[in-house]
Amino acid sequence: MWVYGYNVEIKMQSLQWIGKGSSPPKRAWLSRSKIKVMMVVFFDWKGIVHHEFVPCGQMVNKQLYQKVLVRLRDAVHRKRPELWEKQTWMLHHNNEPAHVSLLICSYLAKH
């Protein structure tokens, strides 16, 4: 999924003293930035199991996806120990070329 960045001003940052009869300063509207990053998210019915941002300029290819799957296994082991012990967790993904490559299929069959 693509994630856009927002520059949010918190309430304490916006507080300031103004003199009597002075008008408050003009504020810029919150707007979506031009920066967007790719985020890979894995979730189940309990919530997010693992997420990470794809480095800028990097495409999601089979090598990157395999590294993500290694970190996903660690996250499942940590966050869903009952599923890990019973070996009942499953991965459901689409037919994206990086997901169905021989490298990923053999990794998933092994692990």
PDB file of N, CA and C in Angstrom:
ATOM      1  N   MET A   1       0.835  -1.165   0.000  1.00  0.00           N
ATOM      2  CA  MET A   1       0.000   0.000   0.000  1.00  0.00           C
ATOM      3  C   MET A   1       0.884   1.234   0.000  1.00  0.00           C
ATOM      4  N   TRP A   2       0.402   2.305  -0.586  1.00  0.00           N
ATOM      5  CA  TRP A   2       1.116   3.574  -0.571  1.00  0.00           C
ATOM      6  C   TRP A   2       0.657   4.382   0.630  1.00  0.00           C
ATOM      7  N   VAL A   3       1.619   4.990   1.327  1.00  0.00           N
ATOM      8  CA  VAL A   3       1.331   5.791   2.513  1.00  0.00           C
ATOM      9  C   VAL A   3       1.849   7.199   2.271  1.00  0.00           C
ATOM     10  N   TYR A   4       0.993   8.201   2.483  1.00  0.00           N
ATOM     11  CA  TYR A   4       1.389   9.600   2.338  1.00  0.00           C
ATOM     12  C   TYR A   4       1.768  10.170   3.695  1.00  0.00           C
ATOM     13  N   GLY A   5       2.750  11.070   3.705  1.00  0.00           N
ATOM     14  CA  GLY A   5       3.163  11.717   4.946  1.00  0.00           C
ATOM     15  C   GLY A   5       2.354  12.967   5.199  1.00  0.00           C
ATOM     16  N   TYR A   6       2.092  13.240   6.462  1.00  0.00           N
ATOM     17  CA  TYR A   6       1.406  14.459   6.869  1.00  0.00           C
ATOM     18  C   TYR A   6       2.273  15.185   7.883  1.00  0.00           C
ATOM     19  N   ASN A   7       2.304  16.505   7.790  1.00  0.00           N
ATOM     20  CA  ASN A   7       3.035  17.314   8.748  1.00  0.00           C
ATOM     21  C   ASN A   7       1.998  17.901   9.695  1.00  0.00           C
ATOM     22  N   VAL A   8       1.824  17.272  10.838  1.00  0.00           N
ATOM     23  CA  VAL A   8       0.780  17.653  11.768  1.00  0.00           C
ATOM     24  C   VAL A   8       1.370  18.520  12.867  1.00  0.00           C
ATOM     25  N   GLU A   9       0.736  19.653  13.100  1.00  0.00           N
ATOM     26  CA  GLU A   9       1.154  20.539  14.175  1.00  0.00           C
ATOM     27  C   GLU A   9       0.349  20.178  15.411  1.00  0.00           C
ATOM     28  N   ILE A  10       1.043  19.845  16.508  1.00  0.00           N
ATOM     29  CA  ILE A  10       0.322  19.498  17.720  1.00  0.00           C
ATOM     30  C   ILE A  10      -0.158  20.765  18.414  1.00  0.00           C
ATOM     31  N   LYS A  11      -1.097  20.631  19.331  1.00  0.00           N
ATOM     32  CA  LYS A  11      -1.735  21.775  19.966  1.00  0.00           C
ATOM     33  C   LYS A  11      -0.718  22.673  20.671  1.00  0.00           C
ATOM     34  N   MET A  12       0.234  22.087  21.371  1.00  0.00           N
ATOM     35  CA  MET A  12       1.228  22.879  22.107  1.00  0.00           C
ATOM     36  C   MET A  12       2.094  23.705  21.161  1.00  0.00           C
ATOM     37  N   GLN A  13       2.358  23.213  19.968  1.00  0.00           N
ATOM     38  CA  GLN A  13       3.164  23.954  19.007  1.00  0.00           C
ATOM     39  C   GLN A  13       2.411  25.162  18.460  1.00  0.00           C
ATOM     40  N   SER A  14       1.094  25.102  18.472  1.00  0.00           N
ATOM     41  CA  SER A  14       0.321  26.185  17.875  1.00  0.00           C
ATOM     42  C   SER A  14      -0.039  27.280  18.877  1.00  0.00           C
ATOM     43  N   LEU A  15       0.228  27.070  20.177  1.00  0.00           N
ATOM     44  CA  LEU A  15      -0.094  28.075  21.186  1.00  0.00           C
ATOM     45  C   LEU A  15       0.921  29.212  21.134  1.00  0.00           C
ATOM     46  N   GLN A  16       0.423  30.449  21.224  1.00  0.00           N
ATOM     47  CA  GLN A  16       1.318  31.592  21.289  1.00  0.00           C
ATOM     48  C   GLN A  16       0.563  32.784  21.854  1.00  0.00           C
ATOM     49  N   TRP A  17       1.309  33.701  22.461  1.00  0.00           N
ATOM     50  CA  TRP A  17       0.707  34.922  23.005  1.00  0.00           C
ATOM     51  C   TRP A  17       0.577  35.942  21.892  1.00  0.00           C
ATOM     52  N   ILE A  18      -0.576  36.611  21.879  1.00  0.00           N
ATOM     53  CA  ILE A  18      -0.762  37.723  20.946  1.00  0.00           C
ATOM     54  C   ILE A  18      -1.285  38.912  21.742  1.00  0.00           C
ATOM     55  N   GLY A  19      -0.933  40.110  21.311  1.00  0.00           N
ATOM     56  CA  GLY A  19      -1.347  41.316  22.017  1.00  0.00           C
ATOM     57  C   GLY A  19      -2.814  41.624  21.802  1.00  0.00           C
ATOM     58  N   LYS A  20      -3.338  42.528  22.693  1.00  0.00           N
ATOM     59  CA  LYS A  20      -4.739  42.934  22.571  1.00  0.00           C
ATOM     60  C   LYS A  20      -4.951  43.627  21.233  1.00  0.00           C
ATOM     61  N   GLY A  21      -6.007  43.272  20.588  1.00  0.00           N
ATOM     62  CA  GLY A  21      -6.324  43.873  19.308  1.00  0.00           C
ATOM     63  C   GLY A  21      -5.573  43.276  18.126  1.00  0.00           C
ATOM     64  N   SER A  22      -4.640  42.378  18.401  1.00  0.00           N
ATOM     65  CA  SER A  22      -3.901  41.731  17.316  1.00  0.00           C
ATOM     66  C   SER A  22      -4.713  40.564  16.770  1.00  0.00           C
ATOM     67  N   SER A  23      -4.573  40.344  15.506  1.00  0.00           N
ATOM     68  CA  SER A  23      -5.266  39.194  14.931  1.00  0.00           C
ATOM     69  C   SER A  23      -4.355  37.975  15.004  1.00  0.00           C
ATOM     70  N   PRO A  24      -4.942  36.810  15.172  1.00  0.00           N
ATOM     71  CA  PRO A  24      -4.122  35.599  15.241  1.00  0.00           C
ATOM     72  C   PRO A  24      -3.434  35.341  13.906  1.00  0.00           C
ATOM     73  N   PRO A  25      -2.303  34.646  13.931  1.00  0.00           N
ATOM     74  CA  PRO A  25      -1.590  34.373  12.679  1.00  0.00           C
ATOM     75  C   PRO A  25      -2.391  33.413  11.795  1.00  0.00           C
ATOM     76  N   LYS A  26      -2.169  33.533  10.508  1.00  0.00           N
ATOM     77  CA  LYS A  26      -2.838  32.633   9.568  1.00  0.00           C
ATOM     78  C   LYS A  26      -2.183  31.266   9.636  1.00  0.00           C
ATOM     79  N   ARG A  27      -3.003  30.262   9.478  1.00  0.00           N
ATOM     80  CA  ARG A  27      -2.503  28.881   9.528  1.00  0.00           C
ATOM     81  C   ARG A  27      -2.650  28.232   8.155  1.00  0.00           C
ATOM     82  N   ALA A  28      -1.737  27.383   7.882  1.00  0.00           N
ATOM     83  CA  ALA A  28      -1.830  26.601   6.643  1.00  0.00           C
ATOM     84  C   ALA A  28      -2.746  25.413   6.906  1.00  0.00           C
ATOM     85  N   TRP A  29      -3.480  25.030   5.907  1.00  0.00           N
ATOM     86  CA  TRP A  29      -4.342  23.857   6.033  1.00  0.00           C
ATOM     87  C   TRP A  29      -3.491  22.601   5.989  1.00  0.00           C
ATOM     88  N   LEU A  30      -3.943  21.599   6.711  1.00  0.00           N
ATOM     89  CA  LEU A  30      -3.284  20.303   6.668  1.00  0.00           C
ATOM     90  C   LEU A  30      -3.485  19.717   5.279  1.00  0.00           C
ATOM     91  N   SER A  31      -2.402  19.393   4.621  1.00  0.00           N
ATOM     92  CA  SER A  31      -2.530  18.835   3.283  1.00  0.00           C
ATOM     93  C   SER A  31      -1.589  17.654   3.117  1.00  0.00           C
ATOM     94  N   ARG A  32      -1.939  16.818   2.198  1.00  0.00           N
ATOM     95  CA  ARG A  32      -1.137  15.629   1.929  1.00  0.00           C
ATOM     96  C   ARG A  32       0.175  16.064   1.293  1.00  0.00           C
ATOM     97  N   SER A  33       1.261  15.513   1.785  1.00  0.00           N
ATOM     98  CA  SER A  33       2.562  15.878   1.229  1.00  0.00           C
ATOM     99  C   SER A  33       2.792  15.185  -0.101  1.00  0.00           C
ATOM    100  N   LYS A  34       3.808  15.623  -0.804  1.00  0.00           N
ATOM    101  CA  LYS A  34       4.150  15.006  -2.081  1.00  0.00           C
ATOM    102  C   LYS A  34       4.962  13.742  -1.875  1.00  0.00           C
ATOM    103  N   ILE A  35       5.353  13.503  -0.643  1.00  0.00           N
ATOM    104  CA  ILE A  35       6.160  12.319  -0.323  1.00  0.00           C
ATOM    105  C   ILE A  35       5.220  11.148  -0.060  1.00  0.00           C
ATOM    106  N   LYS A  36       5.465  10.061  -0.738  1.00  0.00           N
ATOM    107  CA  LYS A  36       4.719   8.849  -0.451  1.00  0.00           C
ATOM    108  C   LYS A  36       5.707   7.688  -0.428  1.00  0.00           C
ATOM    109  N   VAL A  37       5.442   6.744   0.445  1.00  0.00           N
ATOM    110  CA  VAL A  37       6.310   5.579   0.585  1.00  0.00           C
ATOM    111  C   VAL A  37       5.458   4.323   0.523  1.00  0.00           C
ATOM    112  N   MET A  38       6.087   3.239   0.156  1.00  0.00           N
ATOM    113  CA  MET A  38       5.411   1.952   0.085  1.00  0.00           C
ATOM    114  C   MET A  38       5.539   1.274   1.445  1.00  0.00           C
ATOM    115  N   MET A  39       4.443   0.712   1.915  1.00  0.00           N
ATOM    116  CA  MET A  39       4.449  -0.006   3.183  1.00  0.00           C
ATOM    117  C   MET A  39       3.911  -1.408   2.947  1.00  0.00           C
ATOM    118  N   VAL A  40       4.594  -2.398   3.503  1.00  0.00           N
ATOM    119  CA  VAL A  40       4.168  -3.785   3.421  1.00  0.00           C
ATOM    120  C   VAL A  40       3.559  -4.136   4.771  1.00  0.00           C
ATOM    121  N   VAL A  41       2.327  -4.649   4.771  1.00  0.00           N
ATOM    122  CA  VAL A  41       1.608  -4.927   6.013  1.00  0.00           C
ATOM    123  C   VAL A  41       1.078  -6.351   5.995  1.00  0.00           C
ATOM    124  N   PHE A  42       1.255  -7.047   7.114  1.00  0.00           N
ATOM    125  CA  PHE A  42       0.696  -8.386   7.307  1.00  0.00           C
ATOM    126  C   PHE A  42      -0.199  -8.318   8.539  1.00  0.00           C
ATOM    127  N   PHE A  43      -1.409  -8.827   8.425  1.00  0.00           N
ATOM    128  CA  PHE A  43      -2.342  -8.750   9.542  1.00  0.00           C
ATOM    129  C   PHE A  43      -3.207  -9.996   9.601  1.00  0.00           C
ATOM    130  N   ASP A  44      -3.826 -10.176  10.742  1.00  0.00           N
ATOM    131  CA  ASP A  44      -4.812 -11.238  10.913  1.00  0.00           C
ATOM    132  C   ASP A  44      -6.001 -10.639  11.640  1.00  0.00           C
ATOM    133  N   TRP A  45      -6.897 -11.464  12.117  1.00  0.00           N
ATOM    134  CA  TRP A  45      -8.115 -10.958  12.738  1.00  0.00           C
ATOM    135  C   TRP A  45      -7.846 -10.239  14.051  1.00  0.00           C
ATOM    136  N   LYS A  46      -6.674 -10.434  14.661  1.00  0.00           N
ATOM    137  CA  LYS A  46      -6.335  -9.751  15.917  1.00  0.00           C
ATOM    138  C   LYS A  46      -5.679  -8.394  15.683  1.00  0.00           C
ATOM    139  N   GLY A  47      -5.179  -8.158  14.484  1.00  0.00           N
ATOM    140  CA  GLY A  47      -4.537  -6.889  14.190  1.00  0.00           C
ATOM    141  C   GLY A  47      -3.289  -7.070  13.349  1.00  0.00           C
ATOM    142  N   ILE A  48      -2.471  -6.030  13.321  1.00  0.00           N
ATOM    143  CA  ILE A  48      -1.250  -6.052  12.515  1.00  0.00           C
ATOM    144  C   ILE A  48      -0.213  -6.955  13.164  1.00  0.00           C
ATOM    145  N   VAL A  49       0.333  -7.863  12.387  1.00  0.00           N
ATOM    146  CA  VAL A  49       1.379  -8.765  12.855  1.00  0.00           C
ATOM    147  C   VAL A  49       2.746  -8.182  12.540  1.00  0.00           C
ATOM    148  N   HIS A  50       2.895  -7.635  11.343  1.00  0.00           N
ATOM    149  CA  HIS A  50       4.182  -7.072  10.931  1.00  0.00           C
ATOM    150  C   HIS A  50       3.948  -6.015   9.860  1.00  0.00           C
ATOM    151  N   HIS A  51       4.742  -4.952   9.943  1.00  0.00           N
ATOM    152  CA  HIS A  51       4.715  -3.932   8.885  1.00  0.00           C
ATOM    153  C   HIS A  51       6.108  -3.344   8.747  1.00  0.00           C
ATOM    154  N   GLU A  52       6.413  -2.904   7.567  1.00  0.00           N
ATOM    155  CA  GLU A  52       7.680  -2.216   7.337  1.00  0.00           C
ATOM    156  C   GLU A  52       7.571  -1.365   6.081  1.00  0.00           C
ATOM    157  N   PHE A  53       8.388  -0.333   6.052  1.00  0.00           N
ATOM    158  CA  PHE A  53       8.409   0.572   4.915  1.00  0.00           C
ATOM    159  C   PHE A  53       9.461   0.107   3.920  1.00  0.00           C
ATOM    160  N   VAL A  54       9.129   0.181   2.658  1.00  0.00           N
ATOM    161  CA  VAL A  54      10.069  -0.176   1.599  1.00  0.00           C
ATOM    162  C   VAL A  54      10.994   1.030   1.405  1.00  0.00           C
ATOM    163  N   PRO A  55      12.310   0.820   1.372  1.00  0.00           N
ATOM    164  CA  PRO A  55      13.233   1.941   1.173  1.00  0.00           C
ATOM    165  C   PRO A  55      12.910   2.723  -0.102  1.00  0.00           C
ATOM    166  N   CYS A  56      13.095   4.037  -0.039  1.00  0.00           N
ATOM    167  CA  CYS A  56      12.804   4.895  -1.191  1.00  0.00           C
ATOM    168  C   CYS A  56      13.599   4.433  -2.411  1.00  0.00           C
ATOM    169  N   GLY A  57      12.944   4.362  -3.532  1.00  0.00           N
ATOM    170  CA  GLY A  57      13.580   3.960  -4.779  1.00  0.00           C
ATOM    171  C   GLY A  57      13.681   2.458  -4.964  1.00  0.00           C
ATOM    172  N   GLN A  58      13.344   1.680  -3.948  1.00  0.00           N
ATOM    173  CA  GLN A  58      13.441   0.219  -4.018  1.00  0.00           C
ATOM    174  C   GLN A  58      12.116  -0.348  -4.505  1.00  0.00           C
ATOM    175  N   MET A  59      12.169  -1.255  -5.435  1.00  0.00           N
ATOM    176  CA  MET A  59      10.968  -1.958  -5.884  1.00  0.00           C
ATOM    177  C   MET A  59      10.798  -3.216  -5.048  1.00  0.00           C
ATOM    178  N   VAL A  60       9.568  -3.670  -4.919  1.00  0.00           N
ATOM    179  CA  VAL A  60       9.316  -4.916  -4.202  1.00  0.00           C
ATOM    180  C   VAL A  60       9.575  -6.047  -5.178  1.00  0.00           C
ATOM    181  N   ASN A  61      10.773  -6.601  -5.095  1.00  0.00           N
ATOM    182  CA  ASN A  61      11.141  -7.728  -5.949  1.00  0.00           C
ATOM    183  C   ASN A  61      11.258  -8.978  -5.083  1.00  0.00           C
ATOM    184  N   LYS A  62      11.617 -10.082  -5.689  1.00  0.00           N
ATOM    185  CA  LYS A  62      11.635 -11.343  -4.944  1.00  0.00           C
ATOM    186  C   LYS A  62      12.689 -11.351  -3.842  1.00  0.00           C
ATOM    187  N   GLN A  63      13.825 -10.699  -4.030  1.00  0.00           N
ATOM    188  CA  GLN A  63      14.862 -10.668  -2.995  1.00  0.00           C
ATOM    189  C   GLN A  63      14.392  -9.869  -1.775  1.00  0.00           C
ATOM    190  N   LEU A  64      13.791  -8.709  -2.030  1.00  0.00           N
ATOM    191  CA  LEU A  64      13.282  -7.896  -0.923  1.00  0.00           C
ATOM    192  C   LEU A  64      12.150  -8.623  -0.209  1.00  0.00           C
ATOM    193  N   TYR A  65      11.265  -9.239  -0.977  1.00  0.00           N
ATOM    194  CA  TYR A  65      10.127  -9.930  -0.384  1.00  0.00           C
ATOM    195  C   TYR A  65      10.575 -11.108   0.481  1.00  0.00           C
ATOM    196  N   GLN A  66      11.632 -11.786   0.090  1.00  0.00           N
ATOM    197  CA  GLN A  66      12.141 -12.889   0.908  1.00  0.00           C
ATOM    198  C   GLN A  66      12.673 -12.360   2.240  1.00  0.00           C
ATOM    199  N   LYS A  67      13.369 -11.226   2.214  1.00  0.00           N
ATOM    200  CA  LYS A  67      13.857 -10.630   3.461  1.00  0.00           C
ATOM    201  C   LYS A  67      12.694 -10.212   4.358  1.00  0.00           C
ATOM    202  N   VAL A  68      11.629  -9.709   3.743  1.00  0.00           N
ATOM    203  CA  VAL A  68      10.442  -9.330   4.509  1.00  0.00           C
ATOM    204  C   VAL A  68       9.816 -10.569   5.143  1.00  0.00           C
ATOM    205  N   LEU A  69       9.758 -11.673   4.408  1.00  0.00           N
ATOM    206  CA  LEU A  69       9.179 -12.907   4.939  1.00  0.00           C
ATOM    207  C   LEU A  69       9.984 -13.459   6.110  1.00  0.00           C
ATOM    208  N   VAL A  70      11.293 -13.296   6.076  1.00  0.00           N
ATOM    209  CA  VAL A  70      12.130 -13.729   7.209  1.00  0.00           C
ATOM    210  C   VAL A  70      11.740 -12.937   8.458  1.00  0.00           C
ATOM    211  N   ARG A  71      11.581 -11.624   8.303  1.00  0.00           N
ATOM    212  CA  ARG A  71      11.183 -10.790   9.441  1.00  0.00           C
ATOM    213  C   ARG A  71       9.747 -11.078   9.864  1.00  0.00           C
ATOM    214  N   LEU A  72       8.894 -11.442   8.901  1.00  0.00           N
ATOM    215  CA  LEU A  72       7.519 -11.821   9.228  1.00  0.00           C
ATOM    216  C   LEU A  72       7.499 -13.070  10.103  1.00  0.00           C
ATOM    217  N   ARG A  73       8.309 -14.050   9.774  1.00  0.00           N
ATOM    218  CA  ARG A  73       8.373 -15.279  10.586  1.00  0.00           C
ATOM    219  C   ARG A  73       8.751 -14.951  12.023  1.00  0.00           C
ATOM    220  N   ASP A  74       9.725 -14.058  12.205  1.00  0.00           N
ATOM    221  CA  ASP A  74      10.124 -13.652  13.556  1.00  0.00           C
ATOM    222  C   ASP A  74       8.969 -12.944  14.274  1.00  0.00           C
ATOM    223  N   ALA A  75       8.240 -12.112  13.539  1.00  0.00           N
ATOM    224  CA  ALA A  75       7.113 -11.394  14.135  1.00  0.00           C
ATOM    225  C   ALA A  75       5.998 -12.355  14.545  1.00  0.00           C
ATOM    226  N   VAL A  76       5.701 -13.338  13.710  1.00  0.00           N
ATOM    227  CA  VAL A  76       4.674 -14.328  14.054  1.00  0.00           C
ATOM    228  C   VAL A  76       5.109 -15.113  15.282  1.00  0.00           C
ATOM    229  N   HIS A  77       6.370 -15.480  15.334  1.00  0.00           N
ATOM    230  CA  HIS A  77       6.905 -16.218  16.485  1.00  0.00           C
ATOM    231  C   HIS A  77       6.753 -15.406  17.771  1.00  0.00           C
ATOM    232  N   ARG A  78       7.014 -14.093  17.694  1.00  0.00           N
ATOM    233  CA  ARG A  78       6.922 -13.214  18.862  1.00  0.00           C
ATOM    234  C   ARG A  78       5.486 -12.853  19.222  1.00  0.00           C
ATOM    235  N   LYS A  79       4.691 -12.475  18.226  1.00  0.00           N
ATOM    236  CA  LYS A  79       3.372 -11.908  18.491  1.00  0.00           C
ATOM    237  C   LYS A  79       2.235 -12.928  18.517  1.00  0.00           C
ATOM    238  N   ARG A  80       2.408 -14.046  17.866  1.00  0.00           N
ATOM    239  CA  ARG A  80       1.374 -15.087  17.838  1.00  0.00           C
ATOM    240  C   ARG A  80       1.991 -16.433  18.225  1.00  0.00           C
ATOM    241  N   PRO A  81       2.505 -16.555  19.464  1.00  0.00           N
ATOM    242  CA  PRO A  81       3.193 -17.799  19.859  1.00  0.00           C
ATOM    243  C   PRO A  81       2.301 -19.033  19.803  1.00  0.00           C
ATOM    244  N   GLU A  82       1.004 -18.865  20.063  1.00  0.00           N
ATOM    245  CA  GLU A  82       0.105 -20.025  20.026  1.00  0.00           C
ATOM    246  C   GLU A  82      -0.019 -20.588  18.608  1.00  0.00           C
ATOM    247  N   LEU A  83      -0.024 -19.716  17.615  1.00  0.00           N
ATOM    248  CA  LEU A  83      -0.066 -20.177  16.226  1.00  0.00           C
ATOM    249  C   LEU A  83       1.271 -20.758  15.798  1.00  0.00           C
ATOM    250  N   TRP A  84       2.346 -20.173  16.303  1.00  0.00           N
ATOM    251  CA  TRP A  84       3.685 -20.642  15.957  1.00  0.00           C
ATOM    252  C   TRP A  84       3.909 -22.055  16.496  1.00  0.00           C
ATOM    253  N   GLU A  85       3.528 -22.285  17.741  1.00  0.00           N
ATOM    254  CA  GLU A  85       3.745 -23.601  18.367  1.00  0.00           C
ATOM    255  C   GLU A  85       2.938 -24.694  17.670  1.00  0.00           C
ATOM    256  N   LYS A  86       1.708 -24.373  17.309  1.00  0.00           N
ATOM    257  CA  LYS A  86       0.860 -25.371  16.645  1.00  0.00           C
ATOM    258  C   LYS A  86       1.112 -25.450  15.148  1.00  0.00           C
ATOM    259  N   GLN A  87       1.922 -24.520  14.615  1.00  0.00           N
ATOM    260  CA  GLN A  87       2.185 -24.440  13.175  1.00  0.00           C
ATOM    261  C   GLN A  87       0.882 -24.328  12.387  1.00  0.00           C
ATOM    262  N   THR A  88      -0.025 -23.485  12.869  1.00  0.00           N
ATOM    263  CA  THR A  88      -1.326 -23.329  12.213  1.00  0.00           C
ATOM    264  C   THR A  88      -1.494 -21.991  11.508  1.00  0.00           C
ATOM    265  N   TRP A  89      -0.446 -21.177  11.472  1.00  0.00           N
ATOM    266  CA  TRP A  89      -0.592 -19.884  10.788  1.00  0.00           C
ATOM    267  C   TRP A  89      -0.391 -20.067   9.293  1.00  0.00           C
ATOM    268  N   MET A  90      -1.118 -19.283   8.526  1.00  0.00           N
ATOM    269  CA  MET A  90      -1.058 -19.368   7.071  1.00  0.00           C
ATOM    270  C   MET A  90      -0.807 -17.989   6.479  1.00  0.00           C
ATOM    271  N   LEU A  91      -0.201 -17.968   5.326  1.00  0.00           N
ATOM    272  CA  LEU A  91       0.048 -16.733   4.600  1.00  0.00           C
ATOM    273  C   LEU A  91      -0.813 -16.732   3.347  1.00  0.00           C
ATOM    274  N   HIS A  92      -1.574 -15.669   3.180  1.00  0.00           N
ATOM    275  CA  HIS A  92      -2.401 -15.526   1.984  1.00  0.00           C
ATOM    276  C   HIS A  92      -1.948 -14.267   1.263  1.00  0.00           C
ATOM    277  N   HIS A  93      -1.456 -14.409   0.063  1.00  0.00           N
ATOM    278  CA  HIS A  93      -1.063 -13.236  -0.716  1.00  0.00           C
ATOM    279  C   HIS A  93      -1.557 -13.401  -2.154  1.00  0.00           C
ATOM    280  N   ASN A  94      -1.439 -12.321  -2.913  1.00  0.00           N
ATOM    281  CA  ASN A  94      -1.956 -12.344  -4.283  1.00  0.00           C
ATOM    282  C   ASN A  94      -0.920 -12.913  -5.253  1.00  0.00           C
ATOM    283  N   ASN A  95      -1.202 -12.844  -6.522  1.00  0.00           N
ATOM    284  CA  ASN A  95      -0.319 -13.411  -7.544  1.00  0.00           C
ATOM    285  C   ASN A  95       0.679 -12.403  -8.092  1.00  0.00           C
ATOM    286  N   GLU A  96       1.100 -11.495  -7.267  1.00  0.00           N
ATOM    287  CA  GLU A  96       2.138 -10.535  -7.647  1.00  0.00           C
ATOM    288  C   GLU A  96       3.382 -11.321  -8.075  1.00  0.00           C
ATOM    289  N   PRO A  97       4.086 -10.911  -9.131  1.00  0.00           N
ATOM    290  CA  PRO A  97       5.256 -11.663  -9.588  1.00  0.00           C
ATOM    291  C   PRO A  97       6.292 -11.952  -8.486  1.00  0.00           C
ATOM    292  N   ALA A  98       6.493 -10.993  -7.585  1.00  0.00           N
ATOM    293  CA  ALA A  98       7.446 -11.241  -6.492  1.00  0.00           C
ATOM    294  C   ALA A  98       6.939 -12.313  -5.534  1.00  0.00           C
ATOM    295  N   HIS A  99       5.627 -12.470  -5.427  1.00  0.00           N
ATOM    296  CA  HIS A  99       5.050 -13.452  -4.505  1.00  0.00           C
ATOM    297  C   HIS A  99       5.086 -14.867  -5.044  1.00  0.00           C
ATOM    298  N   VAL A 100       5.029 -15.018  -6.354  1.00  0.00           N
ATOM    299  CA  VAL A 100       4.934 -16.360  -6.942  1.00  0.00           C
ATOM    300  C   VAL A 100       6.222 -16.801  -7.625  1.00  0.00           C
ATOM    301  N   SER A 101       7.305 -16.089  -7.358  1.00  0.00           N
ATOM    302  CA  SER A 101       8.574 -16.468  -7.979  1.00  0.00           C
ATOM    303  C   SER A 101       9.062 -17.791  -7.391  1.00  0.00           C
ATOM    304  N   LEU A 102       9.943 -18.445  -8.101  1.00  0.00           N
ATOM    305  CA  LEU A 102      10.491 -19.726  -7.650  1.00  0.00           C
ATOM    306  C   LEU A 102      11.222 -19.569  -6.323  1.00  0.00           C
ATOM    307  N   LEU A 103      11.959 -18.474  -6.151  1.00  0.00           N
ATOM    308  CA  LEU A 103      12.677 -18.212  -4.907  1.00  0.00           C
ATOM    309  C   LEU A 103      11.722 -18.164  -3.728  1.00  0.00           C
ATOM    310  N   ILE A 104      10.612 -17.472  -3.865  1.00  0.00           N
ATOM    311  CA  ILE A 104       9.639 -17.338  -2.767  1.00  0.00           C
ATOM    312  C   ILE A 104       8.899 -18.644  -2.549  1.00  0.00           C
ATOM    313  N   CYS A 105       8.503 -19.320  -3.603  1.00  0.00           N
ATOM    314  CA  CYS A 105       7.804 -20.602  -3.447  1.00  0.00           C
ATOM    315  C   CYS A 105       8.662 -21.638  -2.738  1.00  0.00           C
ATOM    316  N   SER A 106       9.933 -21.691  -3.069  1.00  0.00           N
ATOM    317  CA  SER A 106      10.814 -22.651  -2.404  1.00  0.00           C
ATOM    318  C   SER A 106      11.074 -22.228  -0.950  1.00  0.00           C
ATOM    319  N   TYR A 107      11.175 -20.934  -0.687  1.00  0.00           N
ATOM    320  CA  TYR A 107      11.347 -20.461   0.691  1.00  0.00           C
ATOM    321  C   TYR A 107      10.132 -20.825   1.544  1.00  0.00           C
ATOM    322  N   LEU A 108       8.929 -20.579   0.991  1.00  0.00           N
ATOM    323  CA  LEU A 108       7.715 -20.893   1.738  1.00  0.00           C
ATOM    324  C   LEU A 108       7.557 -22.397   1.954  1.00  0.00           C
ATOM    325  N   ALA A 109       7.936 -23.206   0.967  1.00  0.00           N
ATOM    326  CA  ALA A 109       7.837 -24.663   1.123  1.00  0.00           C
ATOM    327  C   ALA A 109       8.792 -25.154   2.216  1.00  0.00           C
ATOM    328  N   LYS A 110       9.952 -24.528   2.296  1.00  0.00           N
ATOM    329  CA  LYS A 110      10.956 -24.936   3.289  1.00  0.00           C
ATOM    330  C   LYS A 110      10.591 -24.464   4.693  1.00  0.00           C
ATOM    331  N   HIS A 111      10.013 -23.257   4.793  1.00  0.00           N
ATOM    332  CA  HIS A 111       9.750 -22.675   6.106  1.00  0.00           C
ATOM    333  C   HIS A 111       8.276 -22.625   6.425  1.00  0.00           C
TER     334      HIS A 111
END
